[in-house]
Amino acid sequence: MRKIGLLALALVLALGALGVGYAAWTDTVTIEGTVNTGTVDIVVENYSGMWMWKVPGGNPDYELSTDPAYKPQTVDKNPVPFIVAYSSAAQTTAGATPAPVDDSVTVTFNNLFPLTNAAGTVIPWEADFECHYVGSIPVKVVLTPITITPTTLTDGGITTNVSGFIKKDGASVWTPITNQELEGTQLHYCDRVRFVIEILVPQYTTEAANAANMDLSGTITGQIKVIQWNEYKTPG
């Protein structure tokens, strides 16, 4: 009986050795799927501005319009109405200096003078453009200062500002939005913003002060950026 017991033990040990040397039990989880990245994309679609018309023989003899084509009833007058001053925005054309980049806008403020409303309050000249957000990632608006050079254009009190109007979440009506509200406002897919670039020429009570703002010329520069919402940093 002792010999049989020893033989059985030897067989068990031999089988164990074979398992370690030549096989392992396994199971597998297979991973399959898709990868896609989002987009940050704001496009400029529409442009507008302000045009001041001289209307000879009209009452009043001027008209301020947001349409560059003159269309009032007095169009048949002789001499015909003509543009005195205007502010407008347009797509930057190829060959411009500096060279245009994606969604570049050229604003033109020509032959400006103090502009007043019916109440006699000085109001700014405006050039505006409409942006449509078509990206898939939520973003926030980042404004950089709109600057005018040389400083002789601002020494006499001429100022710049950016305001606007917004349509969010499928709204059909434009809602006014201030400069402070524009900075950091969040946009989602299909939201629209109309950015308004403003230049205000002040009206002074003395001839000398007004004369300081006459016959000036220069350039205006600035940027409007959108950045993914989670990377936005509040200014200051």
C-alpha atoms as a PDB file:
ATOM      1  CA  MET A   1       0.000   0.000   0.000  1.00  0.00           C
ATOM      2  CA  ARG A   2       2.837   2.361   0.681  1.00  0.00           C
ATOM      3  CA  LYS A   3       4.198   1.959  -2.865  1.00  0.00           C
ATOM      4  CA  ILE A   4       0.856   2.827  -4.466  1.00  0.00           C
ATOM      5  CA  GLY A   5       0.543   6.005  -2.424  1.00  0.00           C
ATOM      6  CA  LEU A   6       3.911   7.229  -3.523  1.00  0.00           C
ATOM      7  CA  LEU A   7       3.136   6.588  -7.182  1.00  0.00           C
ATOM      8  CA  ALA A   8      -0.073   8.604  -7.064  1.00  0.00           C
ATOM      9  CA  LEU A   9       1.695  11.589  -5.546  1.00  0.00           C
ATOM     10  CA  ALA A  10       4.310  11.538  -8.268  1.00  0.00           C
ATOM     11  CA  LEU A  11       1.622  11.714 -10.973  1.00  0.00           C
ATOM     12  CA  VAL A  12      -0.088  14.743  -9.398  1.00  0.00           C
ATOM     13  CA  LEU A  13       3.147  16.678  -9.232  1.00  0.00           C
ATOM     14  CA  ALA A  14       3.927  15.918 -12.831  1.00  0.00           C
ATOM     15  CA  LEU A  15       0.571  17.274 -14.061  1.00  0.00           C
ATOM     16  CA  GLY A  16       1.068  20.488 -12.082  1.00  0.00           C
ATOM     17  CA  ALA A  17       4.417  21.047 -13.676  1.00  0.00           C
ATOM     18  CA  LEU A  18       2.980  20.614 -17.152  1.00  0.00           C
ATOM     19  CA  GLY A  19       0.293  23.345 -16.508  1.00  0.00           C
ATOM     20  CA  VAL A  20       2.770  26.011 -15.466  1.00  0.00           C
ATOM     21  CA  GLY A  21       5.133  25.403 -18.290  1.00  0.00           C
ATOM     22  CA  TYR A  22       2.825  25.168 -21.290  1.00  0.00           C
ATOM     23  CA  ALA A  23      -0.650  26.862 -20.774  1.00  0.00           C
ATOM     24  CA  ALA A  24      -2.498  29.790 -19.057  1.00  0.00           C
ATOM     25  CA  TRP A  25      -6.217  30.416 -18.716  1.00  0.00           C
ATOM     26  CA  THR A  26      -7.260  33.796 -20.200  1.00  0.00           C
ATOM     27  CA  ASP A  27     -10.242  35.929 -21.055  1.00  0.00           C
ATOM     28  CA  THR A  28     -10.374  39.075 -23.312  1.00  0.00           C
ATOM     29  CA  VAL A  29     -12.295  42.351 -23.398  1.00  0.00           C
ATOM     30  CA  THR A  30     -12.276  43.843 -26.903  1.00  0.00           C
ATOM     31  CA  ILE A  31     -12.462  47.671 -27.168  1.00  0.00           C
ATOM     32  CA  GLU A  32     -14.029  49.286 -30.200  1.00  0.00           C
ATOM     33  CA  GLY A  33     -15.502  52.789 -30.726  1.00  0.00           C
ATOM     34  CA  THR A  34     -15.171  56.145 -32.457  1.00  0.00           C
ATOM     35  CA  VAL A  35     -13.278  59.402 -31.886  1.00  0.00           C
ATOM     36  CA  ASN A  36     -14.258  62.875 -33.040  1.00  0.00           C
ATOM     37  CA  THR A  37     -13.207  66.412 -32.071  1.00  0.00           C
ATOM     38  CA  GLY A  38     -15.397  69.485 -31.713  1.00  0.00           C
ATOM     39  CA  THR A  39     -15.204  72.857 -33.408  1.00  0.00           C
ATOM     40  CA  VAL A  40     -14.925  76.514 -32.441  1.00  0.00           C
ATOM     41  CA  ASP A  41     -16.123  78.537 -35.419  1.00  0.00           C
ATOM     42  CA  ILE A  42     -17.690  81.986 -35.706  1.00  0.00           C
ATOM     43  CA  VAL A  43     -18.435  83.380 -39.150  1.00  0.00           C
ATOM     44  CA  VAL A  44     -19.326  86.873 -40.336  1.00  0.00           C
ATOM     45  CA  GLU A  45     -22.453  86.919 -42.501  1.00  0.00           C
ATOM     46  CA  ASN A  46     -23.875  90.449 -42.756  1.00  0.00           C
ATOM     47  CA  TYR A  47     -22.543  94.007 -42.711  1.00  0.00           C
ATOM     48  CA  SER A  48     -24.132  97.408 -42.215  1.00  0.00           C
ATOM     49  CA  GLY A  49     -23.475 101.002 -41.209  1.00  0.00           C
ATOM     50  CA  MET A  50     -24.794 104.561 -41.282  1.00  0.00           C
ATOM     51  CA  TRP A  51     -25.013 106.968 -44.212  1.00  0.00           C
ATOM     52  CA  MET A  52     -25.733 110.676 -43.881  1.00  0.00           C
ATOM     53  CA  TRP A  53     -27.413 112.075 -46.993  1.00  0.00           C
ATOM     54  CA  LYS A  54     -27.686 115.708 -48.041  1.00  0.00           C
ATOM     55  CA  VAL A  55     -31.170 116.165 -49.534  1.00  0.00           C
ATOM     56  CA  PRO A  56     -31.281 119.419 -51.523  1.00  0.00           C
ATOM     57  CA  GLY A  57     -34.675 121.089 -51.157  1.00  0.00           C
ATOM     58  CA  GLY A  58     -35.833 118.557 -48.594  1.00  0.00           C
ATOM     59  CA  ASN A  59     -37.476 119.316 -45.250  1.00  0.00           C
ATOM     60  CA  PRO A  60     -35.362 118.445 -43.449  1.00  0.00           C
ATOM     61  CA  ASP A  61     -32.548 118.635 -45.978  1.00  0.00           C
ATOM     62  CA  TYR A  62     -30.745 115.588 -44.619  1.00  0.00           C
ATOM     63  CA  GLU A  63     -31.449 111.950 -43.905  1.00  0.00           C
ATOM     64  CA  LEU A  64     -29.556 109.456 -41.792  1.00  0.00           C
ATOM     65  CA  SER A  65     -29.992 105.956 -43.182  1.00  0.00           C
ATOM     66  CA  THR A  66     -28.768 102.435 -42.478  1.00  0.00           C
ATOM     67  CA  ASP A  67     -29.106 101.667 -46.185  1.00  0.00           C
ATOM     68  CA  PRO A  68     -26.386 102.835 -48.601  1.00  0.00           C
ATOM     69  CA  ALA A  69     -29.016 103.163 -51.336  1.00  0.00           C
ATOM     70  CA  TYR A  70     -31.133 106.315 -51.030  1.00  0.00           C
ATOM     71  CA  LYS A  71     -34.860 105.452 -51.199  1.00  0.00           C
ATOM     72  CA  PRO A  72     -37.052 108.246 -49.795  1.00  0.00           C
ATOM     73  CA  GLN A  73     -39.755 110.086 -51.755  1.00  0.00           C
ATOM     74  CA  THR A  74     -37.421 112.997 -52.467  1.00  0.00           C
ATOM     75  CA  VAL A  75     -35.248 110.899 -54.771  1.00  0.00           C
ATOM     76  CA  ASP A  76     -36.661 112.744 -57.801  1.00  0.00           C
ATOM     77  CA  LYS A  77     -35.340 116.139 -56.619  1.00  0.00           C
ATOM     78  CA  ASN A  78     -32.759 118.012 -58.636  1.00  0.00           C
ATOM     79  CA  PRO A  79     -29.927 118.106 -57.744  1.00  0.00           C
ATOM     80  CA  VAL A  80     -30.091 114.563 -56.480  1.00  0.00           C
ATOM     81  CA  PRO A  81     -29.255 113.671 -52.856  1.00  0.00           C
ATOM     82  CA  PHE A  82     -25.653 112.767 -52.141  1.00  0.00           C
ATOM     83  CA  ILE A  83     -23.707 111.142 -49.310  1.00  0.00           C
ATOM     84  CA  VAL A  84     -21.866 113.551 -47.022  1.00  0.00           C
ATOM     85  CA  ALA A  85     -20.483 111.125 -44.414  1.00  0.00           C
ATOM     86  CA  TYR A  86     -20.759 107.456 -43.586  1.00  0.00           C
ATOM     87  CA  SER A  87     -19.578 104.610 -41.377  1.00  0.00           C
ATOM     88  CA  SER A  88     -19.640 101.086 -42.773  1.00  0.00           C
ATOM     89  CA  ALA A  89     -18.346  97.551 -42.355  1.00  0.00           C
ATOM     90  CA  ALA A  90     -17.401  95.132 -45.119  1.00  0.00           C
ATOM     91  CA  GLN A  91     -15.500  91.925 -45.687  1.00  0.00           C
ATOM     92  CA  THR A  92     -11.776  92.555 -45.950  1.00  0.00           C
ATOM     93  CA  THR A  93     -10.668  92.091 -49.548  1.00  0.00           C
ATOM     94  CA  ALA A  94      -7.622  90.221 -50.822  1.00  0.00           C
ATOM     95  CA  GLY A  95      -4.532  92.382 -51.128  1.00  0.00           C
ATOM     96  CA  ALA A  96      -5.476  94.569 -48.181  1.00  0.00           C
ATOM     97  CA  THR A  97      -2.864  95.772 -45.708  1.00  0.00           C
ATOM     98  CA  PRO A  98      -2.557  94.157 -43.262  1.00  0.00           C
ATOM     99  CA  ALA A  99      -3.276  90.880 -45.042  1.00  0.00           C
ATOM    100  CA  PRO A 100      -6.763  89.559 -44.251  1.00  0.00           C
ATOM    101  CA  VAL A 101      -7.133  86.529 -42.003  1.00  0.00           C
ATOM    102  CA  ASP A 102     -10.127  84.308 -41.322  1.00  0.00           C
ATOM    103  CA  ASP A 103     -13.257  86.445 -40.929  1.00  0.00           C
ATOM    104  CA  SER A 104     -11.473  89.804 -41.271  1.00  0.00           C
ATOM    105  CA  VAL A 105     -13.695  92.894 -41.315  1.00  0.00           C
ATOM    106  CA  THR A 106     -12.807  96.345 -42.656  1.00  0.00           C
ATOM    107  CA  VAL A 107     -14.605  99.294 -41.067  1.00  0.00           C
ATOM    108  CA  THR A 108     -14.605 102.717 -42.701  1.00  0.00           C
ATOM    109  CA  PHE A 109     -15.510 105.983 -40.975  1.00  0.00           C
ATOM    110  CA  ASN A 110     -15.442 108.754 -43.561  1.00  0.00           C
ATOM    111  CA  ASN A 111     -15.840 112.544 -43.232  1.00  0.00           C
ATOM    112  CA  LEU A 112     -17.221 112.350 -39.695  1.00  0.00           C
ATOM    113  CA  PHE A 113     -18.623 115.257 -37.707  1.00  0.00           C
ATOM    114  CA  PRO A 114     -20.660 115.516 -34.470  1.00  0.00           C
ATOM    115  CA  LEU A 115     -23.883 113.583 -34.993  1.00  0.00           C
ATOM    116  CA  THR A 116     -26.974 114.413 -32.943  1.00  0.00           C
ATOM    117  CA  ASN A 117     -30.375 112.784 -32.553  1.00  0.00           C
ATOM    118  CA  ALA A 118     -33.773 114.486 -32.472  1.00  0.00           C
ATOM    119  CA  ALA A 119     -33.269 115.386 -28.803  1.00  0.00           C
ATOM    120  CA  GLY A 120     -29.991 117.125 -29.563  1.00  0.00           C
ATOM    121  CA  THR A 121     -27.860 114.442 -27.894  1.00  0.00           C
ATOM    122  CA  VAL A 122     -24.578 113.578 -29.575  1.00  0.00           C
ATOM    123  CA  ILE A 123     -24.640 109.952 -30.747  1.00  0.00           C
ATOM    124  CA  PRO A 124     -21.898 107.745 -32.209  1.00  0.00           C
ATOM    125  CA  TRP A 125     -21.323 106.764 -35.790  1.00  0.00           C
ATOM    126  CA  GLU A 126     -21.758 103.013 -36.129  1.00  0.00           C
ATOM    127  CA  ALA A 127     -20.378 100.263 -38.351  1.00  0.00           C
ATOM    128  CA  ASP A 128     -21.698  96.801 -37.578  1.00  0.00           C
ATOM    129  CA  PHE A 129     -21.387  93.202 -38.661  1.00  0.00           C
ATOM    130  CA  GLU A 130     -23.345  90.081 -37.766  1.00  0.00           C
ATOM    131  CA  CYS A 131     -21.622  86.932 -36.556  1.00  0.00           C
ATOM    132  CA  HIS A 132     -23.135  83.451 -36.555  1.00  0.00           C
ATOM    133  CA  TYR A 133     -21.682  80.890 -34.173  1.00  0.00           C
ATOM    134  CA  VAL A 134     -21.567  77.491 -35.893  1.00  0.00           C
ATOM    135  CA  GLY A 135     -19.134  75.655 -33.619  1.00  0.00           C
ATOM    136  CA  SER A 136     -20.090  72.613 -31.570  1.00  0.00           C
ATOM    137  CA  ILE A 137     -18.242  73.690 -28.398  1.00  0.00           C
ATOM    138  CA  PRO A 138     -19.692  76.464 -26.188  1.00  0.00           C
ATOM    139  CA  VAL A 139     -17.559  79.617 -26.222  1.00  0.00           C
ATOM    140  CA  LYS A 140     -17.277  82.982 -24.518  1.00  0.00           C
ATOM    141  CA  VAL A 141     -16.599  86.326 -26.194  1.00  0.00           C
ATOM    142  CA  VAL A 142     -13.268  88.073 -25.593  1.00  0.00           C
ATOM    143  CA  LEU A 143     -13.004  91.742 -26.588  1.00  0.00           C
ATOM    144  CA  THR A 144      -9.753  93.599 -27.155  1.00  0.00           C
ATOM    145  CA  PRO A 145      -9.737  97.403 -26.982  1.00  0.00           C
ATOM    146  CA  ILE A 146     -10.646  99.197 -30.204  1.00  0.00           C
ATOM    147  CA  THR A 147      -7.831 101.677 -30.718  1.00  0.00           C
ATOM    148  CA  ILE A 148      -7.393 104.690 -32.987  1.00  0.00           C
ATOM    149  CA  THR A 149      -3.995 105.958 -34.087  1.00  0.00           C
ATOM    150  CA  PRO A 150      -2.426 108.461 -34.099  1.00  0.00           C
ATOM    151  CA  THR A 151      -3.337 109.957 -30.733  1.00  0.00           C
ATOM    152  CA  THR A 152      -4.230 113.272 -32.375  1.00  0.00           C
ATOM    153  CA  LEU A 153      -7.539 111.587 -33.240  1.00  0.00           C
ATOM    154  CA  THR A 154      -8.341 110.995 -29.584  1.00  0.00           C
ATOM    155  CA  ASP A 155      -6.712 114.074 -28.029  1.00  0.00           C
ATOM    156  CA  GLY A 156      -9.841 116.069 -28.842  1.00  0.00           C
ATOM    157  CA  GLY A 157     -12.189 113.630 -27.129  1.00  0.00           C
ATOM    158  CA  ILE A 158     -13.079 111.288 -30.003  1.00  0.00           C
ATOM    159  CA  THR A 159     -13.869 107.912 -28.428  1.00  0.00           C
ATOM    160  CA  THR A 160     -14.498 104.324 -29.516  1.00  0.00           C
ATOM    161  CA  ASN A 161     -16.705 101.582 -28.145  1.00  0.00           C
ATOM    162  CA  VAL A 162     -18.095  98.157 -29.009  1.00  0.00           C
ATOM    163  CA  SER A 163     -21.724  97.385 -28.260  1.00  0.00           C
ATOM    164  CA  GLY A 164     -24.141  95.054 -29.958  1.00  0.00           C
ATOM    165  CA  PHE A 165     -27.261  92.959 -30.202  1.00  0.00           C
ATOM    166  CA  ILE A 166     -27.704  89.260 -29.595  1.00  0.00           C
ATOM    167  CA  LYS A 167     -30.028  86.394 -30.532  1.00  0.00           C
ATOM    168  CA  LYS A 168     -29.656  83.325 -28.323  1.00  0.00           C
ATOM    169  CA  ASP A 169     -31.420  79.999 -28.000  1.00  0.00           C
ATOM    170  CA  GLY A 170     -33.428  80.411 -31.196  1.00  0.00           C
ATOM    171  CA  ALA A 171     -34.745  83.895 -30.381  1.00  0.00           C
ATOM    172  CA  SER A 172     -36.248  85.811 -33.310  1.00  0.00           C
ATOM    173  CA  VAL A 173     -35.738  89.300 -31.859  1.00  0.00           C
ATOM    174  CA  TRP A 174     -32.435  91.103 -31.332  1.00  0.00           C
ATOM    175  CA  THR A 175     -31.677  92.040 -27.714  1.00  0.00           C
ATOM    176  CA  PRO A 176     -29.367  95.036 -27.078  1.00  0.00           C
ATOM    177  CA  ILE A 177     -26.167  94.217 -25.196  1.00  0.00           C
ATOM    178  CA  THR A 178     -23.591  96.614 -23.739  1.00  0.00           C
ATOM    179  CA  ASN A 179     -19.817  96.428 -23.974  1.00  0.00           C
ATOM    180  CA  GLN A 180     -19.611  95.107 -20.418  1.00  0.00           C
ATOM    181  CA  GLU A 181     -22.212  92.435 -21.170  1.00  0.00           C
ATOM    182  CA  LEU A 182     -20.539  91.394 -24.422  1.00  0.00           C
ATOM    183  CA  GLU A 183     -17.278  90.558 -22.668  1.00  0.00           C
ATOM    184  CA  GLY A 184     -17.600  86.971 -21.461  1.00  0.00           C
ATOM    185  CA  THR A 185     -21.064  86.351 -22.894  1.00  0.00           C
ATOM    186  CA  GLN A 186     -21.510  82.677 -23.733  1.00  0.00           C
ATOM    187  CA  LEU A 187     -22.499  81.443 -27.176  1.00  0.00           C
ATOM    188  CA  HIS A 188     -23.822  78.084 -28.276  1.00  0.00           C
ATOM    189  CA  TYR A 189     -24.413  76.577 -31.692  1.00  0.00           C
ATOM    190  CA  CYS A 190     -26.514  78.840 -33.947  1.00  0.00           C
ATOM    191  CA  ASP A 191     -26.460  81.879 -31.605  1.00  0.00           C
ATOM    192  CA  ARG A 192     -25.977  85.228 -33.355  1.00  0.00           C
ATOM    193  CA  VAL A 193     -24.265  88.455 -32.297  1.00  0.00           C
ATOM    194  CA  ARG A 194     -24.271  91.796 -34.105  1.00  0.00           C
ATOM    195  CA  PHE A 195     -21.154  93.695 -33.090  1.00  0.00           C
ATOM    196  CA  VAL A 196     -21.395  97.488 -33.378  1.00  0.00           C
ATOM    197  CA  ILE A 197     -18.164  99.473 -33.660  1.00  0.00           C
ATOM    198  CA  GLU A 198     -18.829 103.026 -32.487  1.00  0.00           C
ATOM    199  CA  ILE A 199     -16.931 106.284 -32.912  1.00  0.00           C
ATOM    200  CA  LEU A 200     -18.261 109.356 -31.157  1.00  0.00           C
ATOM    201  CA  VAL A 201     -17.180 112.823 -32.276  1.00  0.00           C
ATOM    202  CA  PRO A 202     -17.963 115.300 -29.465  1.00  0.00           C
ATOM    203  CA  GLN A 203     -19.666 118.657 -29.950  1.00  0.00           C
ATOM    204  CA  TYR A 204     -18.095 121.490 -27.937  1.00  0.00           C
ATOM    205  CA  THR A 205     -19.337 124.979 -27.179  1.00  0.00           C
ATOM    206  CA  THR A 206     -16.192 126.729 -28.419  1.00  0.00           C
ATOM    207  CA  GLU A 207     -14.960 127.014 -31.976  1.00  0.00           C
ATOM    208  CA  ALA A 208     -11.367 126.268 -30.974  1.00  0.00           C
ATOM    209  CA  ALA A 209     -12.274 122.992 -29.271  1.00  0.00           C
ATOM    210  CA  ASN A 210     -14.309 121.831 -32.256  1.00  0.00           C
ATOM    211  CA  ALA A 211     -11.573 122.868 -34.694  1.00  0.00           C
ATOM    212  CA  ALA A 212      -9.128 120.503 -32.959  1.00  0.00           C
ATOM    213  CA  ASN A 213     -11.161 117.549 -34.255  1.00  0.00           C
ATOM    214  CA  MET A 214     -11.321 118.688 -37.876  1.00  0.00           C
ATOM    215  CA  ASP A 215      -9.314 117.354 -40.827  1.00  0.00           C
ATOM    216  CA  LEU A 216      -7.885 114.333 -38.989  1.00  0.00           C
ATOM    217  CA  SER A 217      -7.150 110.873 -40.341  1.00  0.00           C
ATOM    218  CA  GLY A 218      -5.786 107.612 -39.006  1.00  0.00           C
ATOM    219  CA  THR A 219      -6.518 103.935 -38.513  1.00  0.00           C
ATOM    220  CA  ILE A 220      -8.709 101.833 -36.251  1.00  0.00           C
ATOM    221  CA  THR A 221      -7.773  98.336 -35.062  1.00  0.00           C
ATOM    222  CA  GLY A 222      -9.147  95.706 -32.701  1.00  0.00           C
ATOM    223  CA  GLN A 223     -10.124  92.081 -32.329  1.00  0.00           C
ATOM    224  CA  ILE A 224     -13.130  90.073 -31.270  1.00  0.00           C
ATOM    225  CA  LYS A 225     -12.301  86.532 -30.224  1.00  0.00           C
ATOM    226  CA  VAL A 226     -14.247  83.527 -28.991  1.00  0.00           C
ATOM    227  CA  ILE A 227     -12.645  80.924 -26.748  1.00  0.00           C
ATOM    228  CA  GLN A 228     -13.937  77.630 -25.410  1.00  0.00           C
ATOM    229  CA  TRP A 229     -16.006  78.430 -22.336  1.00  0.00           C
ATOM    230  CA  ASN A 230     -13.916  76.466 -19.812  1.00  0.00           C
ATOM    231  CA  GLU A 231     -10.710  78.332 -20.738  1.00  0.00           C
ATOM    232  CA  TYR A 232     -12.154  81.843 -20.444  1.00  0.00           C
ATOM    233  CA  LYS A 233     -10.393  84.147 -17.980  1.00  0.00           C
ATOM    234  CA  THR A 234     -12.241  87.162 -16.609  1.00  0.00           C
ATOM    235  CA  PRO A 235     -10.289  90.374 -17.443  1.00  0.00           C
ATOM    236  CA  GLY A 236      -8.299  91.786 -14.549  1.00  0.00           C
END
